[in-house]
C-alpha atoms as a PDB file:
ATOM      1  CA  MET A   1     -59.349  15.012  60.392  1.00  0.00           C
ATOM      2  CA  PRO A   2     -61.553  12.001  61.307  1.00  0.00           C
ATOM      3  CA  SER A   3     -64.705  12.853  63.215  1.00  0.00           C
ATOM      4  CA  SER A   4     -63.435  10.990  66.297  1.00  0.00           C
ATOM      5  CA  ALA A   5     -60.327  13.192  66.382  1.00  0.00           C
ATOM      6  CA  MET A   6     -62.446  16.332  65.943  1.00  0.00           C
ATOM      7  CA  THR A   7     -64.605  15.203  68.853  1.00  0.00           C
ATOM      8  CA  LYS A   8     -61.451  14.876  70.912  1.00  0.00           C
ATOM      9  CA  TRP A   9     -60.451  18.455  70.099  1.00  0.00           C
ATOM     10  CA  ASN A  10     -63.968  19.761  70.789  1.00  0.00           C
ATOM     11  CA  ASP A  11     -63.928  17.994  74.152  1.00  0.00           C
ATOM     12  CA  LEU A  12     -60.553  19.526  74.933  1.00  0.00           C
ATOM     13  CA  VAL A  13     -61.865  23.002  74.153  1.00  0.00           C
ATOM     14  CA  ASP A  14     -64.964  22.398  76.289  1.00  0.00           C
ATOM     15  CA  SER A  15     -62.796  21.251  79.189  1.00  0.00           C
ATOM     16  CA  ILE A  16     -60.826  24.492  79.483  1.00  0.00           C
ATOM     17  CA  LYS A  17     -61.401  25.887  82.954  1.00  0.00           C
ATOM     18  CA  ASP A  18     -58.054  27.319  84.113  1.00  0.00           C
ATOM     19  CA  PRO A  19     -54.485  28.093  82.966  1.00  0.00           C
ATOM     20  CA  SER A  20     -53.390  24.457  83.290  1.00  0.00           C
ATOM     21  CA  ASP A  21     -56.050  23.483  80.742  1.00  0.00           C
ATOM     22  CA  TRP A  22     -54.710  26.111  78.332  1.00  0.00           C
ATOM     23  CA  HIS A  23     -51.244  24.664  78.818  1.00  0.00           C
ATOM     24  CA  ARG A  24     -52.629  21.257  77.861  1.00  0.00           C
ATOM     25  CA  MET A  25     -54.215  22.751  74.754  1.00  0.00           C
ATOM     26  CA  ILE A  26     -50.975  24.472  73.746  1.00  0.00           C
ATOM     27  CA  THR A  27     -48.916  21.311  74.204  1.00  0.00           C
ATOM     28  CA  ALA A  28     -51.376  19.037  72.399  1.00  0.00           C
ATOM     29  CA  GLY A  29     -51.948  21.430  69.517  1.00  0.00           C
ATOM     30  CA  GLN A  30     -48.255  22.136  69.019  1.00  0.00           C
ATOM     31  CA  ARG A  31     -47.564  18.397  68.894  1.00  0.00           C
ATOM     32  CA  HIS A  32     -50.423  17.687  66.492  1.00  0.00           C
ATOM     33  CA  TRP A  33     -50.007  20.530  63.995  1.00  0.00           C
ATOM     34  CA  GLY A  34     -46.334  21.285  64.480  1.00  0.00           C
ATOM     35  CA  VAL A  35     -47.125  24.970  64.901  1.00  0.00           C
ATOM     36  CA  PRO A  36     -44.260  27.018  66.397  1.00  0.00           C
ATOM     37  CA  LEU A  37     -45.007  27.814  70.028  1.00  0.00           C
ATOM     38  CA  GLN A  38     -45.009  31.596  69.610  1.00  0.00           C
ATOM     39  CA  GLU A  39     -47.451  31.542  66.684  1.00  0.00           C
ATOM     40  CA  TRP A  40     -49.694  28.985  68.400  1.00  0.00           C
ATOM     41  CA  ARG A  41     -49.940  31.013  71.603  1.00  0.00           C
ATOM     42  CA  GLN A  42     -50.545  34.183  69.606  1.00  0.00           C
ATOM     43  CA  ALA A  43     -53.367  32.540  67.655  1.00  0.00           C
ATOM     44  CA  LEU A  44     -55.057  31.154  70.759  1.00  0.00           C
ATOM     45  CA  ALA A  45     -54.768  34.511  72.515  1.00  0.00           C
ATOM     46  CA  LYS A  46     -56.415  36.190  69.524  1.00  0.00           C
ATOM     47  CA  ALA A  47     -59.183  33.570  69.419  1.00  0.00           C
ATOM     48  CA  ALA A  48     -59.960  33.843  73.138  1.00  0.00           C
ATOM     49  CA  PRO A  49     -58.702  37.231  74.357  1.00  0.00           C
ATOM     50  CA  SER A  50     -60.799  37.337  77.521  1.00  0.00           C
ATOM     51  CA  SER A  51     -60.074  33.759  78.604  1.00  0.00           C
ATOM     52  CA  PHE A  52     -56.586  32.862  77.412  1.00  0.00           C
ATOM     53  CA  ASN A  53     -54.475  31.795  80.402  1.00  0.00           C
ATOM     54  CA  LYS A  54     -57.446  32.532  82.713  1.00  0.00           C
ATOM     55  CA  GLY A  55     -60.701  30.606  82.743  1.00  0.00           C
ATOM     56  CA  CYS A  56     -63.695  29.333  80.785  1.00  0.00           C
ATOM     57  CA  LEU A  57     -64.222  30.416  77.204  1.00  0.00           C
ATOM     58  CA  THR A  58     -67.218  32.428  76.182  1.00  0.00           C
ATOM     59  CA  ARG A  59     -69.486  30.949  73.515  1.00  0.00           C
ATOM     60  CA  ALA A  60     -67.988  33.255  70.890  1.00  0.00           C
ATOM     61  CA  GLU A  61     -64.444  32.339  71.923  1.00  0.00           C
ATOM     62  CA  THR A  62     -65.246  28.630  71.766  1.00  0.00           C
ATOM     63  CA  LYS A  63     -66.426  29.120  68.205  1.00  0.00           C
ATOM     64  CA  GLN A  64     -63.257  31.090  67.375  1.00  0.00           C
ATOM     65  CA  VAL A  65     -60.925  28.426  68.787  1.00  0.00           C
ATOM     66  CA  ARG A  66     -62.736  25.657  66.935  1.00  0.00           C
ATOM     67  CA  GLY A  67     -62.545  27.723  63.761  1.00  0.00           C
ATOM     68  CA  LEU A  68     -58.801  28.054  64.265  1.00  0.00           C
ATOM     69  CA  MET A  69     -58.421  24.290  64.628  1.00  0.00           C
ATOM     70  CA  ALA A  70     -60.520  23.663  61.526  1.00  0.00           C
ATOM     71  CA  TRP A  71     -58.301  26.125  59.619  1.00  0.00           C
ATOM     72  CA  LEU A  72     -55.176  24.233  60.664  1.00  0.00           C
ATOM     73  CA  ASP A  73     -56.760  20.867  59.853  1.00  0.00           C
ATOM     74  CA  GLN A  74     -57.110  22.081  56.265  1.00  0.00           C
ATOM     75  CA  ASP A  75     -53.338  22.743  56.183  1.00  0.00           C
ATOM     76  CA  HIS A  76     -53.726  26.520  56.010  1.00  0.00           C
ATOM     77  CA  PRO A  77     -50.893  28.695  57.434  1.00  0.00           C
ATOM     78  CA  ILE A  78     -51.554  29.816  60.977  1.00  0.00           C
ATOM     79  CA  GLU A  79     -49.916  33.158  60.108  1.00  0.00           C
ATOM     80  CA  LEU A  80     -52.777  33.996  57.759  1.00  0.00           C
ATOM     81  CA  TRP A  81     -55.356  33.215  60.427  1.00  0.00           C
ATOM     82  CA  VAL A  82     -53.561  35.555  62.823  1.00  0.00           C
ATOM     83  CA  GLY A  83     -52.682  38.063  60.099  1.00  0.00           C
ATOM     84  CA  GLU A  84     -49.126  38.281  61.385  1.00  0.00           C
ATOM     85  CA  ALA A  85     -45.824  36.532  60.674  1.00  0.00           C
ATOM     86  CA  MET A  86     -42.495  36.734  62.443  1.00  0.00           C
ATOM     87  CA  PHE A  87     -39.467  37.597  60.329  1.00  0.00           C
ATOM     88  CA  TYR A  88     -36.009  38.350  61.692  1.00  0.00           C
ATOM     89  CA  GLY A  89     -37.418  38.978  65.164  1.00  0.00           C
ATOM     90  CA  ARG A  90     -40.187  41.355  64.062  1.00  0.00           C
ATOM     91  CA  SER A  91     -43.900  40.841  63.495  1.00  0.00           C
ATOM     92  CA  PHE A  92     -45.157  41.799  60.043  1.00  0.00           C
ATOM     93  CA  ALA A  93     -48.680  41.947  58.658  1.00  0.00           C
ATOM     94  CA  VAL A  94     -49.452  39.255  56.083  1.00  0.00           C
ATOM     95  CA  LYS A  95     -52.429  38.362  53.921  1.00  0.00           C
ATOM     96  CA  SER A  96     -53.492  35.817  51.344  1.00  0.00           C
ATOM     97  CA  GLY A  97     -52.382  36.636  47.814  1.00  0.00           C
ATOM     98  CA  VAL A  98     -48.970  37.965  48.899  1.00  0.00           C
ATOM     99  CA  LEU A  99     -46.001  35.641  49.327  1.00  0.00           C
ATOM    100  CA  LEU A 100     -45.802  34.483  52.943  1.00  0.00           C
ATOM    101  CA  PRO A 101     -42.393  35.082  54.593  1.00  0.00           C
ATOM    102  CA  ARG A 102     -40.361  31.901  55.085  1.00  0.00           C
ATOM    103  CA  THR A 103     -37.581  31.046  57.523  1.00  0.00           C
ATOM    104  CA  ASP A 104     -35.243  30.156  54.638  1.00  0.00           C
ATOM    105  CA  THR A 105     -35.438  33.740  53.406  1.00  0.00           C
ATOM    106  CA  GLU A 106     -34.436  35.013  56.856  1.00  0.00           C
ATOM    107  CA  TRP A 107     -31.112  33.280  56.402  1.00  0.00           C
ATOM    108  CA  VAL A 108     -30.593  34.877  52.973  1.00  0.00           C
ATOM    109  CA  VAL A 109     -31.293  38.303  54.491  1.00  0.00           C
ATOM    110  CA  GLU A 110     -28.859  37.602  57.330  1.00  0.00           C
ATOM    111  CA  MET A 111     -26.094  36.864  54.824  1.00  0.00           C
ATOM    112  CA  ALA A 112     -26.905  39.985  52.817  1.00  0.00           C
ATOM    113  CA  ILE A 113     -26.831  42.153  55.938  1.00  0.00           C
ATOM    114  CA  ARG A 114     -23.344  40.896  56.799  1.00  0.00           C
ATOM    115  CA  VAL A 115     -21.992  42.030  53.434  1.00  0.00           C
ATOM    116  CA  ILE A 116     -23.933  45.306  53.328  1.00  0.00           C
ATOM    117  CA  ARG A 117     -22.518  46.316  56.707  1.00  0.00           C
ATOM    118  CA  GLN A 118     -18.997  45.831  55.380  1.00  0.00           C
ATOM    119  CA  GLY A 119     -19.587  48.433  52.645  1.00  0.00           C
ATOM    120  CA  PRO A 120     -19.032  50.176  50.336  1.00  0.00           C
ATOM    121  CA  TRP A 121     -22.685  49.698  49.348  1.00  0.00           C
ATOM    122  CA  GLN A 122     -24.910  52.753  49.537  1.00  0.00           C
ATOM    123  CA  THR A 123     -28.023  51.501  47.747  1.00  0.00           C
ATOM    124  CA  VAL A 124     -29.868  48.205  48.170  1.00  0.00           C
ATOM    125  CA  LEU A 125     -32.187  47.362  45.307  1.00  0.00           C
ATOM    126  CA  GLU A 126     -34.905  44.851  46.180  1.00  0.00           C
ATOM    127  CA  LEU A 127     -36.768  43.365  43.218  1.00  0.00           C
ATOM    128  CA  GLY A 128     -40.176  42.144  44.356  1.00  0.00           C
ATOM    129  CA  SER A 129     -40.974  43.468  47.829  1.00  0.00           C
ATOM    130  CA  GLY A 130     -43.933  41.164  48.553  1.00  0.00           C
ATOM    131  CA  SER A 131     -44.976  41.933  52.114  1.00  0.00           C
ATOM    132  CA  GLY A 132     -41.916  44.160  52.496  1.00  0.00           C
ATOM    133  CA  VAL A 133     -40.096  41.987  55.020  1.00  0.00           C
ATOM    134  CA  ILE A 134     -36.786  41.779  53.146  1.00  0.00           C
ATOM    135  CA  GLY A 135     -36.395  45.452  52.280  1.00  0.00           C
ATOM    136  CA  LEU A 136     -37.688  46.742  55.599  1.00  0.00           C
ATOM    137  CA  THR A 137     -35.498  44.362  57.591  1.00  0.00           C
ATOM    138  CA  ILE A 138     -32.394  45.473  55.693  1.00  0.00           C
ATOM    139  CA  ALA A 139     -33.368  49.138  56.053  1.00  0.00           C
ATOM    140  CA  LEU A 140     -33.850  48.743  59.803  1.00  0.00           C
ATOM    141  CA  GLU A 141     -30.677  46.726  60.330  1.00  0.00           C
ATOM    142  CA  CYS A 142     -28.527  48.838  57.987  1.00  0.00           C
ATOM    143  CA  PRO A 143     -29.651  52.458  58.483  1.00  0.00           C
ATOM    144  CA  THR A 144     -26.741  53.917  56.499  1.00  0.00           C
ATOM    145  CA  VAL A 145     -27.959  52.489  53.161  1.00  0.00           C
ATOM    146  CA  GLN A 146     -30.913  53.497  51.038  1.00  0.00           C
ATOM    147  CA  VAL A 147     -33.252  50.602  50.224  1.00  0.00           C
ATOM    148  CA  ILE A 148     -35.283  50.897  47.017  1.00  0.00           C
ATOM    149  CA  ALA A 149     -37.957  48.205  46.800  1.00  0.00           C
ATOM    150  CA  TRP A 150     -39.824  47.471  43.564  1.00  0.00           C
ATOM    151  CA  GLU A 151     -43.124  45.606  43.357  1.00  0.00           C
ATOM    152  CA  VAL A 152     -45.588  45.056  40.503  1.00  0.00           C
ATOM    153  CA  SER A 153     -48.503  43.586  42.497  1.00  0.00           C
ATOM    154  CA  LYS A 154     -50.955  46.200  43.792  1.00  0.00           C
ATOM    155  CA  ARG A 155     -51.919  43.870  46.643  1.00  0.00           C
ATOM    156  CA  ALA A 156     -48.288  43.470  47.662  1.00  0.00           C
ATOM    157  CA  VAL A 157     -47.615  47.201  47.335  1.00  0.00           C
ATOM    158  CA  SER A 158     -50.497  47.872  49.722  1.00  0.00           C
ATOM    159  CA  LEU A 159     -49.141  45.348  52.236  1.00  0.00           C
ATOM    160  CA  THR A 160     -45.600  46.696  52.028  1.00  0.00           C
ATOM    161  CA  ARG A 161     -46.927  50.198  52.738  1.00  0.00           C
ATOM    162  CA  ARG A 162     -48.825  48.864  55.716  1.00  0.00           C
ATOM    163  CA  ASN A 163     -45.685  47.255  57.130  1.00  0.00           C
ATOM    164  CA  HIS A 164     -43.683  50.397  56.388  1.00  0.00           C
ATOM    165  CA  GLN A 165     -46.138  52.303  58.580  1.00  0.00           C
ATOM    166  CA  ARG A 166     -45.535  49.745  61.300  1.00  0.00           C
ATOM    167  CA  TYR A 167     -41.767  50.143  61.005  1.00  0.00           C
ATOM    168  CA  PRO A 168     -41.246  53.653  59.610  1.00  0.00           C
ATOM    169  CA  CYS A 169     -37.732  54.248  58.324  1.00  0.00           C
ATOM    170  CA  GLU A 170     -36.644  57.079  56.081  1.00  0.00           C
ATOM    171  CA  ASN A 171     -34.149  54.900  54.203  1.00  0.00           C
ATOM    172  CA  HIS A 172     -36.808  52.546  52.771  1.00  0.00           C
ATOM    173  CA  HIS A 173     -38.444  53.622  49.510  1.00  0.00           C
ATOM    174  CA  LEU A 174     -41.151  51.691  47.684  1.00  0.00           C
ATOM    175  CA  ARG A 175     -41.593  51.896  43.916  1.00  0.00           C
ATOM    176  CA  ALA A 176     -44.821  50.517  42.431  1.00  0.00           C
ATOM    177  CA  GLY A 177     -44.147  48.878  39.085  1.00  0.00           C
ATOM    178  CA  SER A 178     -41.537  46.724  37.380  1.00  0.00           C
ATOM    179  CA  PHE A 179     -37.900  47.708  37.583  1.00  0.00           C
ATOM    180  CA  PHE A 180     -37.253  46.010  34.263  1.00  0.00           C
ATOM    181  CA  GLY A 181     -39.452  48.605  32.601  1.00  0.00           C
ATOM    182  CA  TRP A 182     -37.139  51.371  33.850  1.00  0.00           C
ATOM    183  CA  GLN A 183     -33.825  49.953  32.713  1.00  0.00           C
ATOM    184  CA  THR A 184     -33.135  52.783  30.274  1.00  0.00           C
ATOM    185  CA  GLY A 185     -32.654  54.987  33.317  1.00  0.00           C
ATOM    186  CA  ALA A 186     -31.238  52.267  35.523  1.00  0.00           C
ATOM    187  CA  PRO A 187     -28.042  54.024  36.710  1.00  0.00           C
ATOM    188  CA  THR A 188     -30.175  56.801  38.197  1.00  0.00           C
ATOM    189  CA  VAL A 189     -32.894  54.473  39.434  1.00  0.00           C
ATOM    190  CA  MET A 190     -30.403  52.129  41.064  1.00  0.00           C
ATOM    191  CA  GLY A 191     -28.567  54.788  43.022  1.00  0.00           C
ATOM    192  CA  PRO A 192     -24.857  54.918  43.944  1.00  0.00           C
ATOM    193  CA  GLN A 193     -22.879  51.788  44.898  1.00  0.00           C
ATOM    194  CA  PRO A 194     -25.831  49.418  44.375  1.00  0.00           C
ATOM    195  CA  ILE A 195     -26.277  45.855  45.551  1.00  0.00           C
ATOM    196  CA  MET A 196     -29.325  43.740  44.657  1.00  0.00           C
ATOM    197  CA  VAL A 197     -31.318  41.422  46.904  1.00  0.00           C
ATOM    198  CA  CYS A 198     -34.082  39.234  45.560  1.00  0.00           C
ATOM    199  CA  ASN A 199     -36.232  36.219  46.377  1.00  0.00           C
ATOM    200  CA  PRO A 200     -37.252  35.488  42.781  1.00  0.00           C
ATOM    201  CA  PRO A 201     -39.829  33.016  41.493  1.00  0.00           C
ATOM    202  CA  TYR A 202     -37.825  29.829  40.918  1.00  0.00           C
ATOM    203  CA  ILE A 203     -40.255  26.904  40.913  1.00  0.00           C
ATOM    204  CA  PRO A 204     -40.527  25.257  37.460  1.00  0.00           C
ATOM    205  CA  THR A 205     -43.991  25.659  35.968  1.00  0.00           C
ATOM    206  CA  GLY A 206     -44.526  21.901  35.827  1.00  0.00           C
ATOM    207  CA  GLU A 207     -44.083  21.609  39.617  1.00  0.00           C
ATOM    208  CA  TRP A 208     -46.856  24.076  40.460  1.00  0.00           C
ATOM    209  CA  ALA A 209     -49.548  21.380  40.406  1.00  0.00           C
ATOM    210  CA  HIS A 210     -47.545  19.349  42.943  1.00  0.00           C
ATOM    211  CA  LEU A 211     -47.285  22.094  45.560  1.00  0.00           C
ATOM    212  CA  SER A 212     -49.459  21.876  48.654  1.00  0.00           C
ATOM    213  CA  PRO A 213     -53.055  23.123  48.298  1.00  0.00           C
ATOM    214  CA  SER A 214     -52.258  25.719  50.950  1.00  0.00           C
ATOM    215  CA  VAL A 215     -49.500  27.261  48.803  1.00  0.00           C
ATOM    216  CA  GLN A 216     -51.654  27.163  45.676  1.00  0.00           C
ATOM    217  CA  GLN A 217     -54.552  28.840  47.478  1.00  0.00           C
ATOM    218  CA  HIS A 218     -52.688  31.560  49.352  1.00  0.00           C
ATOM    219  CA  ASP A 219     -49.352  32.338  47.670  1.00  0.00           C
ATOM    220  CA  PRO A 220     -49.426  34.240  44.352  1.00  0.00           C
ATOM    221  CA  ARG A 221     -48.273  32.113  41.450  1.00  0.00           C
ATOM    222  CA  ARG A 222     -46.342  34.960  39.843  1.00  0.00           C
ATOM    223  CA  ALA A 223     -44.118  35.089  42.947  1.00  0.00           C
ATOM    224  CA  LEU A 224     -43.251  31.386  42.683  1.00  0.00           C
ATOM    225  CA  ASP A 225     -43.478  30.261  39.062  1.00  0.00           C
ATOM    226  CA  GLY A 226     -40.064  30.692  37.454  1.00  0.00           C
ATOM    227  CA  GLY A 227     -40.981  29.453  33.993  1.00  0.00           C
ATOM    228  CA  LYS A 228     -40.403  26.094  32.339  1.00  0.00           C
ATOM    229  CA  ASP A 229     -37.062  25.424  34.067  1.00  0.00           C
ATOM    230  CA  GLY A 230     -37.469  27.833  36.994  1.00  0.00           C
ATOM    231  CA  LEU A 231     -34.680  30.096  35.737  1.00  0.00           C
ATOM    232  CA  ALA A 232     -36.596  32.784  33.831  1.00  0.00           C
ATOM    233  CA  PHE A 233     -36.112  35.487  36.457  1.00  0.00           C
ATOM    234  CA  TYR A 234     -32.399  34.723  36.912  1.00  0.00           C
ATOM    235  CA  ARG A 235     -31.901  35.220  33.174  1.00  0.00           C
ATOM    236  CA  ARG A 236     -33.166  38.767  33.583  1.00  0.00           C
ATOM    237  CA  LEU A 237     -31.300  39.488  36.818  1.00  0.00           C
ATOM    238  CA  ILE A 238     -27.836  38.149  36.093  1.00  0.00           C
ATOM    239  CA  PRO A 239     -26.986  40.459  33.143  1.00  0.00           C
ATOM    240  CA  MET A 240     -27.727  43.430  35.420  1.00  0.00           C
ATOM    241  CA  VAL A 241     -24.905  42.366  37.751  1.00  0.00           C
ATOM    242  CA  HIS A 242     -22.320  43.010  35.057  1.00  0.00           C
ATOM    243  CA  ARG A 243     -24.065  45.971  33.439  1.00  0.00           C
ATOM    244  CA  TYR A 244     -24.526  48.014  36.609  1.00  0.00           C
ATOM    245  CA  HIS A 245     -21.672  46.705  38.787  1.00  0.00           C
ATOM    246  CA  ALA A 246     -24.380  45.547  41.212  1.00  0.00           C
ATOM    247  CA  PRO A 247     -23.716  42.269  43.082  1.00  0.00           C
ATOM    248  CA  LEU A 248     -26.764  40.044  43.524  1.00  0.00           C
ATOM    249  CA  PHE A 249     -27.969  38.077  46.534  1.00  0.00           C
ATOM    250  CA  ALA A 250     -30.720  35.716  45.443  1.00  0.00           C
ATOM    251  CA  GLU A 251     -32.550  32.783  46.942  1.00  0.00           C
ATOM    252  CA  ILE A 252     -32.444  29.614  44.836  1.00  0.00           C
ATOM    253  CA  GLY A 253     -34.147  26.243  44.810  1.00  0.00           C
ATOM    254  CA  TRP A 254     -32.210  23.387  46.425  1.00  0.00           C
ATOM    255  CA  HIS A 255     -31.489  21.803  42.995  1.00  0.00           C
ATOM    256  CA  GLN A 256     -30.621  24.960  41.012  1.00  0.00           C
ATOM    257  CA  ALA A 257     -27.068  25.748  42.121  1.00  0.00           C
ATOM    258  CA  ASN A 258     -25.344  24.354  39.021  1.00  0.00           C
ATOM    259  CA  ASP A 259     -27.777  25.947  36.556  1.00  0.00           C
ATOM    260  CA  VAL A 260     -27.623  29.411  38.157  1.00  0.00           C
ATOM    261  CA  THR A 261     -23.835  29.197  38.457  1.00  0.00           C
ATOM    262  CA  GLN A 262     -23.547  28.343  34.766  1.00  0.00           C
ATOM    263  CA  LEU A 263     -25.726  31.320  33.854  1.00  0.00           C
ATOM    264  CA  ALA A 264     -23.423  33.576  35.856  1.00  0.00           C
ATOM    265  CA  HIS A 265     -20.304  32.146  34.203  1.00  0.00           C
ATOM    266  CA  GLN A 266     -21.796  32.779  30.766  1.00  0.00           C
ATOM    267  CA  HIS A 267     -21.706  36.497  31.627  1.00  0.00           C
ATOM    268  CA  GLY A 268     -18.161  36.326  32.990  1.00  0.00           C
ATOM    269  CA  LEU A 269     -19.359  36.589  36.596  1.00  0.00           C
ATOM    270  CA  ILE A 270     -18.358  34.867  39.818  1.00  0.00           C
ATOM    271  CA  ALA A 271     -21.041  32.842  41.607  1.00  0.00           C
ATOM    272  CA  SER A 272     -20.823  31.461  45.134  1.00  0.00           C
ATOM    273  CA  VAL A 273     -23.535  29.156  46.494  1.00  0.00           C
ATOM    274  CA  TYR A 274     -24.301  28.849  50.195  1.00  0.00           C
ATOM    275  CA  PRO A 275     -26.338  26.149  51.961  1.00  0.00           C
ATOM    276  CA  ASP A 276     -28.996  26.828  54.578  1.00  0.00           C
ATOM    277  CA  ALA A 277     -29.096  25.342  58.089  1.00  0.00           C
ATOM    278  CA  SER A 278     -30.487  22.094  56.651  1.00  0.00           C
ATOM    279  CA  GLY A 279     -27.562  21.735  54.262  1.00  0.00           C
ATOM    280  CA  HIS A 280     -29.608  22.553  51.135  1.00  0.00           C
ATOM    281  CA  ASP A 281     -28.270  25.038  48.595  1.00  0.00           C
ATOM    282  CA  ARG A 282     -30.313  28.170  49.348  1.00  0.00           C
ATOM    283  CA  MET A 283     -28.523  31.341  48.282  1.00  0.00           C
ATOM    284  CA  VAL A 284     -26.289  32.507  45.481  1.00  0.00           C
ATOM    285  CA  LEU A 285     -24.028  35.564  45.520  1.00  0.00           C
ATOM    286  CA  ILE A 286     -23.117  36.747  42.040  1.00  0.00           C
ATOM    287  CA  HIS A 287     -20.652  39.563  41.327  1.00  0.00           C
ATOM    288  CA  ARG A 288     -18.079  40.803  38.858  1.00  0.00           C
ATOM    289  CA  SER A 289     -14.534  39.484  38.985  1.00  0.00           C
ATOM    290  CA  ASP A 290     -13.191  42.948  39.789  1.00  0.00           C
ATOM    291  CA  GLN A 291     -15.285  43.098  42.985  1.00  0.00           C
ATOM    292  CA  TYR A 292     -14.075  41.466  46.189  1.00  0.00           C
ATOM    293  CA  ILE A 293     -16.874  40.324  48.491  1.00  0.00           C
ATOM    294  CA  GLN A 294     -16.357  38.239  51.599  1.00  0.00           C
ATOM    295  CA  ILE A 295     -19.010  36.606  53.796  1.00  0.00           C
END
């Protein structure tokens, strides 16, 4: 941000004297950074807990608020500054180095929940728990199923456990390690009447350098990089659908619908692609032809 603009923000912070000034700050900041209102208010309240919506900031709070604005000026996610992110109406702990929850994934989870509630699914297998938001949300919304979440990253495992403590549910089970390494015992590991849910890495390797610096700095590459064509993880997942009679809900890139569908057809499977609220292809449901699934 140009120095003149930073001076403007510093002056705005220095001018805060009452609730109306905070309202001005919220409105101006939301317009400038495009931060969702709830997250913006939460961040400001954390930066100035004794003064938010009241009166003058202390010296320490002034420094905190300016630090927050500097963080946003560098295009860093506000969720990481706060340490919290909203997902499906709940607040989850987040941290750098673990994939940050996205709104697009909320929609995928919503679609999966609709089908899971219809039955006859008894086990939900999540491959790659990340912060735990997908598996925990399904476990909380569908208490009659057992959710088994697998994660290879120690950092992500730690964060999932932390969020599990926040939302304790007996039907959510975390497994540290790679599911693919356990496939010899997969029928037992998968549980009865399984269905798979996954937000796999699907960005082609060559596109990594073109992602925003914020993504490159804070999101783990292994959670995003899907190999040369972005399809490496799907090639491992799709055969499991046929082998274990386990339908798959997976997030896809907006340009991958045809490629993923073709992979499914090569294994004699049915693939249905669904667009998100913006009209972009976002989710694929893959299942055997002898399984009837309606959304």
